[in-house]
Amino acid sequence: MPAQGQHATTPDAMVQELLSKTGISRDETFLENMITHHESAVAMAKLMVGKTERPELEQLAQDIIVSQSKEIEMMKGWLNEWYGR
């Protein structure tokens, strides 16, 4: 379990952390962990752009960057709007 104010970074740890929460704490933790998860996906996708010979992977990477960046901003907005963070 992460220290107070810190959140899990591996998928299994994120699930375990979420299982230990209830109510608003669970909601906040879900958003925080999903932001971390999406930021990792965007970072990995950026490493693929222009570095693969597979057009399908290039398109997937571009799609991940666009869609998950939008979702990150949406979730950050909710954290701010709902929880003042």
N, C-alpha and C. Protein backbone atom coordinates (compact mmCIF):
# COMPACT_ATOMS: atom_id res chain seq x y z
N MET A 1 0.85 -1.18 0.00
CA MET A 1 0.00 0.00 0.00
C MET A 1 0.89 1.24 0.00
N PRO A 2 0.63 2.21 -0.85
CA PRO A 2 1.45 3.42 -0.90
C PRO A 2 1.32 4.25 0.37
N ALA A 3 2.31 5.08 0.61
CA ALA A 3 2.28 5.99 1.76
C ALA A 3 1.18 7.02 1.56
N GLN A 4 0.78 7.64 2.66
CA GLN A 4 -0.25 8.68 2.62
C GLN A 4 0.11 9.74 1.58
N GLY A 5 -0.86 10.07 0.71
CA GLY A 5 -0.63 11.10 -0.30
C GLY A 5 0.02 10.58 -1.57
N GLN A 6 0.48 9.33 -1.55
CA GLN A 6 1.06 8.73 -2.74
C GLN A 6 0.11 7.66 -3.25
N HIS A 7 0.23 7.35 -4.52
CA HIS A 7 -0.66 6.36 -5.10
C HIS A 7 0.15 5.29 -5.80
N ALA A 8 -0.47 4.13 -5.93
CA ALA A 8 0.14 2.99 -6.58
C ALA A 8 0.45 3.33 -8.04
N THR A 9 1.43 2.62 -8.60
CA THR A 9 1.79 2.87 -9.99
C THR A 9 1.68 1.64 -10.87
N THR A 10 1.66 0.44 -10.30
CA THR A 10 1.49 -0.76 -11.13
C THR A 10 0.00 -1.10 -11.20
N PRO A 11 -0.43 -1.73 -12.29
CA PRO A 11 -1.85 -2.06 -12.39
C PRO A 11 -2.37 -2.88 -11.21
N ASP A 12 -1.64 -3.89 -10.78
CA ASP A 12 -2.09 -4.71 -9.65
C ASP A 12 -2.18 -3.89 -8.38
N ALA A 13 -1.20 -3.04 -8.15
CA ALA A 13 -1.21 -2.20 -6.95
C ALA A 13 -2.36 -1.20 -7.00
N MET A 14 -2.66 -0.69 -8.19
CA MET A 14 -3.78 0.25 -8.34
C MET A 14 -5.09 -0.43 -7.97
N VAL A 15 -5.28 -1.66 -8.43
CA VAL A 15 -6.50 -2.40 -8.11
C VAL A 15 -6.57 -2.64 -6.61
N GLN A 16 -5.48 -3.07 -6.01
CA GLN A 16 -5.47 -3.34 -4.57
C GLN A 16 -5.76 -2.07 -3.77
N GLU A 17 -5.17 -0.96 -4.20
CA GLU A 17 -5.42 0.31 -3.52
C GLU A 17 -6.90 0.69 -3.61
N LEU A 18 -7.48 0.52 -4.78
CA LEU A 18 -8.88 0.86 -4.97
C LEU A 18 -9.79 -0.03 -4.12
N LEU A 19 -9.45 -1.29 -4.00
CA LEU A 19 -10.25 -2.22 -3.18
C LEU A 19 -10.27 -1.82 -1.71
N SER A 20 -9.24 -1.11 -1.28
CA SER A 20 -9.15 -0.74 0.14
C SER A 20 -9.91 0.55 0.45
N LYS A 21 -10.49 1.18 -0.55
CA LYS A 21 -11.16 2.48 -0.37
C LYS A 21 -12.67 2.33 -0.50
N THR A 22 -13.37 3.32 0.04
CA THR A 22 -14.83 3.39 -0.11
C THR A 22 -15.23 4.84 -0.34
N GLY A 23 -16.45 5.03 -0.84
CA GLY A 23 -17.03 6.36 -0.98
C GLY A 23 -16.19 7.33 -1.79
N ILE A 24 -16.14 8.57 -1.29
CA ILE A 24 -15.41 9.64 -1.99
C ILE A 24 -13.93 9.29 -2.14
N SER A 25 -13.37 8.66 -1.12
CA SER A 25 -11.96 8.27 -1.20
C SER A 25 -11.72 7.33 -2.37
N ARG A 26 -12.65 6.40 -2.60
CA ARG A 26 -12.53 5.48 -3.74
C ARG A 26 -12.63 6.26 -5.05
N ASP A 27 -13.58 7.20 -5.12
CA ASP A 27 -13.74 8.01 -6.34
C ASP A 27 -12.46 8.78 -6.66
N GLU A 28 -11.92 9.46 -5.67
CA GLU A 28 -10.69 10.24 -5.87
C GLU A 28 -9.53 9.35 -6.28
N THR A 29 -9.38 8.23 -5.59
CA THR A 29 -8.30 7.30 -5.89
C THR A 29 -8.43 6.75 -7.30
N PHE A 30 -9.66 6.42 -7.71
CA PHE A 30 -9.89 5.94 -9.07
C PHE A 30 -9.41 6.98 -10.09
N LEU A 31 -9.83 8.22 -9.91
CA LEU A 31 -9.42 9.27 -10.85
C LEU A 31 -7.91 9.46 -10.84
N GLU A 32 -7.30 9.52 -9.67
CA GLU A 32 -5.85 9.72 -9.59
C GLU A 32 -5.09 8.58 -10.26
N ASN A 33 -5.53 7.35 -10.00
CA ASN A 33 -4.84 6.21 -10.59
C ASN A 33 -5.08 6.12 -12.10
N MET A 34 -6.27 6.48 -12.56
CA MET A 34 -6.54 6.47 -13.99
C MET A 34 -5.72 7.55 -14.71
N ILE A 35 -5.54 8.68 -14.07
CA ILE A 35 -4.69 9.73 -14.65
C ILE A 35 -3.27 9.19 -14.82
N THR A 36 -2.74 8.57 -13.77
CA THR A 36 -1.39 7.98 -13.84
C THR A 36 -1.32 6.93 -14.95
N HIS A 37 -2.31 6.08 -15.02
CA HIS A 37 -2.37 5.02 -16.02
C HIS A 37 -2.38 5.62 -17.43
N HIS A 38 -3.22 6.62 -17.65
CA HIS A 38 -3.31 7.26 -18.96
C HIS A 38 -2.02 8.00 -19.31
N GLU A 39 -1.42 8.68 -18.34
CA GLU A 39 -0.16 9.38 -18.60
C GLU A 39 0.92 8.40 -19.04
N SER A 40 0.95 7.22 -18.45
CA SER A 40 1.92 6.20 -18.87
C SER A 40 1.64 5.74 -20.29
N ALA A 41 0.36 5.55 -20.62
CA ALA A 41 -0.01 5.13 -21.98
C ALA A 41 0.40 6.18 -23.01
N VAL A 42 0.17 7.44 -22.69
CA VAL A 42 0.55 8.53 -23.60
C VAL A 42 2.07 8.57 -23.77
N ALA A 43 2.80 8.41 -22.69
CA ALA A 43 4.27 8.42 -22.77
C ALA A 43 4.77 7.27 -23.65
N MET A 44 4.20 6.08 -23.48
CA MET A 44 4.61 4.95 -24.31
C MET A 44 4.24 5.18 -25.77
N ALA A 45 3.04 5.71 -26.01
CA ALA A 45 2.61 5.97 -27.38
C ALA A 45 3.52 6.97 -28.06
N LYS A 46 3.94 8.00 -27.33
CA LYS A 46 4.85 9.00 -27.91
C LYS A 46 6.17 8.37 -28.34
N LEU A 47 6.61 7.34 -27.63
CA LEU A 47 7.85 6.65 -28.01
C LEU A 47 7.70 5.85 -29.30
N MET A 48 6.48 5.52 -29.67
CA MET A 48 6.23 4.74 -30.89
C MET A 48 6.09 5.59 -32.14
N VAL A 49 5.65 6.83 -31.97
CA VAL A 49 5.39 7.68 -33.13
C VAL A 49 6.68 7.88 -33.93
N GLY A 50 6.60 7.53 -35.20
CA GLY A 50 7.75 7.68 -36.08
C GLY A 50 8.83 6.63 -35.90
N LYS A 51 8.58 5.63 -35.06
CA LYS A 51 9.61 4.63 -34.80
C LYS A 51 9.15 3.21 -35.08
N THR A 52 8.02 3.08 -35.73
CA THR A 52 7.53 1.75 -36.10
C THR A 52 7.30 1.70 -37.60
N GLU A 53 7.50 0.52 -38.15
CA GLU A 53 7.24 0.33 -39.58
C GLU A 53 5.80 -0.10 -39.82
N ARG A 54 5.07 -0.35 -38.76
CA ARG A 54 3.68 -0.79 -38.86
C ARG A 54 2.74 0.40 -38.83
N PRO A 55 2.04 0.68 -39.91
CA PRO A 55 1.11 1.80 -39.93
C PRO A 55 -0.01 1.65 -38.89
N GLU A 56 -0.37 0.40 -38.60
CA GLU A 56 -1.41 0.16 -37.59
C GLU A 56 -0.95 0.62 -36.21
N LEU A 57 0.31 0.35 -35.88
CA LEU A 57 0.86 0.78 -34.59
C LEU A 57 1.04 2.30 -34.54
N GLU A 58 1.44 2.87 -35.65
CA GLU A 58 1.57 4.33 -35.73
C GLU A 58 0.21 4.99 -35.46
N GLN A 59 -0.84 4.45 -36.12
CA GLN A 59 -2.18 5.01 -35.94
C GLN A 59 -2.67 4.79 -34.51
N LEU A 60 -2.44 3.61 -33.97
CA LEU A 60 -2.84 3.33 -32.59
C LEU A 60 -2.15 4.30 -31.63
N ALA A 61 -0.87 4.50 -31.81
CA ALA A 61 -0.13 5.42 -30.94
C ALA A 61 -0.71 6.83 -31.03
N GLN A 62 -0.97 7.28 -32.25
CA GLN A 62 -1.56 8.62 -32.43
C GLN A 62 -2.93 8.71 -31.76
N ASP A 63 -3.74 7.66 -31.93
CA ASP A 63 -5.08 7.64 -31.33
C ASP A 63 -5.00 7.67 -29.80
N ILE A 64 -4.07 6.92 -29.24
CA ILE A 64 -3.90 6.90 -27.78
C ILE A 64 -3.51 8.28 -27.28
N ILE A 65 -2.59 8.92 -27.96
CA ILE A 65 -2.14 10.25 -27.54
C ILE A 65 -3.31 11.22 -27.52
N VAL A 66 -4.10 11.23 -28.58
CA VAL A 66 -5.23 12.16 -28.67
C VAL A 66 -6.31 11.84 -27.65
N SER A 67 -6.78 10.59 -27.65
CA SER A 67 -7.93 10.25 -26.81
C SER A 67 -7.60 10.27 -25.32
N GLN A 68 -6.45 9.71 -24.96
CA GLN A 68 -6.15 9.64 -23.53
C GLN A 68 -5.68 10.98 -22.97
N SER A 69 -5.11 11.83 -23.81
CA SER A 69 -4.78 13.18 -23.36
C SER A 69 -6.06 13.95 -23.02
N LYS A 70 -7.09 13.79 -23.85
CA LYS A 70 -8.38 14.43 -23.57
C LYS A 70 -8.97 13.89 -22.26
N GLU A 71 -8.89 12.59 -22.06
CA GLU A 71 -9.43 11.99 -20.85
C GLU A 71 -8.66 12.43 -19.61
N ILE A 72 -7.35 12.59 -19.73
CA ILE A 72 -6.54 13.09 -18.61
C ILE A 72 -7.05 14.46 -18.19
N GLU A 73 -7.23 15.35 -19.16
CA GLU A 73 -7.71 16.69 -18.85
C GLU A 73 -9.10 16.67 -18.24
N MET A 74 -9.97 15.79 -18.74
CA MET A 74 -11.32 15.66 -18.19
C MET A 74 -11.25 15.21 -16.73
N MET A 75 -10.45 14.19 -16.45
CA MET A 75 -10.36 13.67 -15.08
C MET A 75 -9.72 14.68 -14.13
N LYS A 76 -8.70 15.39 -14.61
CA LYS A 76 -8.10 16.44 -13.78
C LYS A 76 -9.12 17.53 -13.48
N GLY A 77 -9.94 17.86 -14.47
CA GLY A 77 -11.00 18.85 -14.26
C GLY A 77 -11.99 18.39 -13.21
N TRP A 78 -12.37 17.13 -13.24
CA TRP A 78 -13.28 16.59 -12.24
C TRP A 78 -12.67 16.63 -10.85
N LEU A 79 -11.39 16.25 -10.75
CA LEU A 79 -10.73 16.32 -9.43
C LEU A 79 -10.78 17.75 -8.89
N ASN A 80 -10.55 18.70 -9.75
CA ASN A 80 -10.57 20.10 -9.34
C ASN A 80 -11.99 20.54 -8.99
N GLU A 81 -12.94 20.25 -9.87
CA GLU A 81 -14.32 20.69 -9.68
C GLU A 81 -14.97 20.02 -8.47
N TRP A 82 -14.78 18.73 -8.33
CA TRP A 82 -15.48 17.98 -7.29
C TRP A 82 -14.76 17.99 -5.94
N TYR A 83 -13.41 18.02 -5.97
CA TYR A 83 -12.64 17.85 -4.75
C TYR A 83 -11.64 18.98 -4.49
N GLY A 84 -11.68 20.02 -5.31
CA GLY A 84 -10.80 21.17 -5.11
C GLY A 84 -9.34 20.84 -5.25
N ARG A 85 -9.03 19.89 -6.16
CA ARG A 85 -7.64 19.47 -6.32
C ARG A 85 -7.20 19.59 -7.76
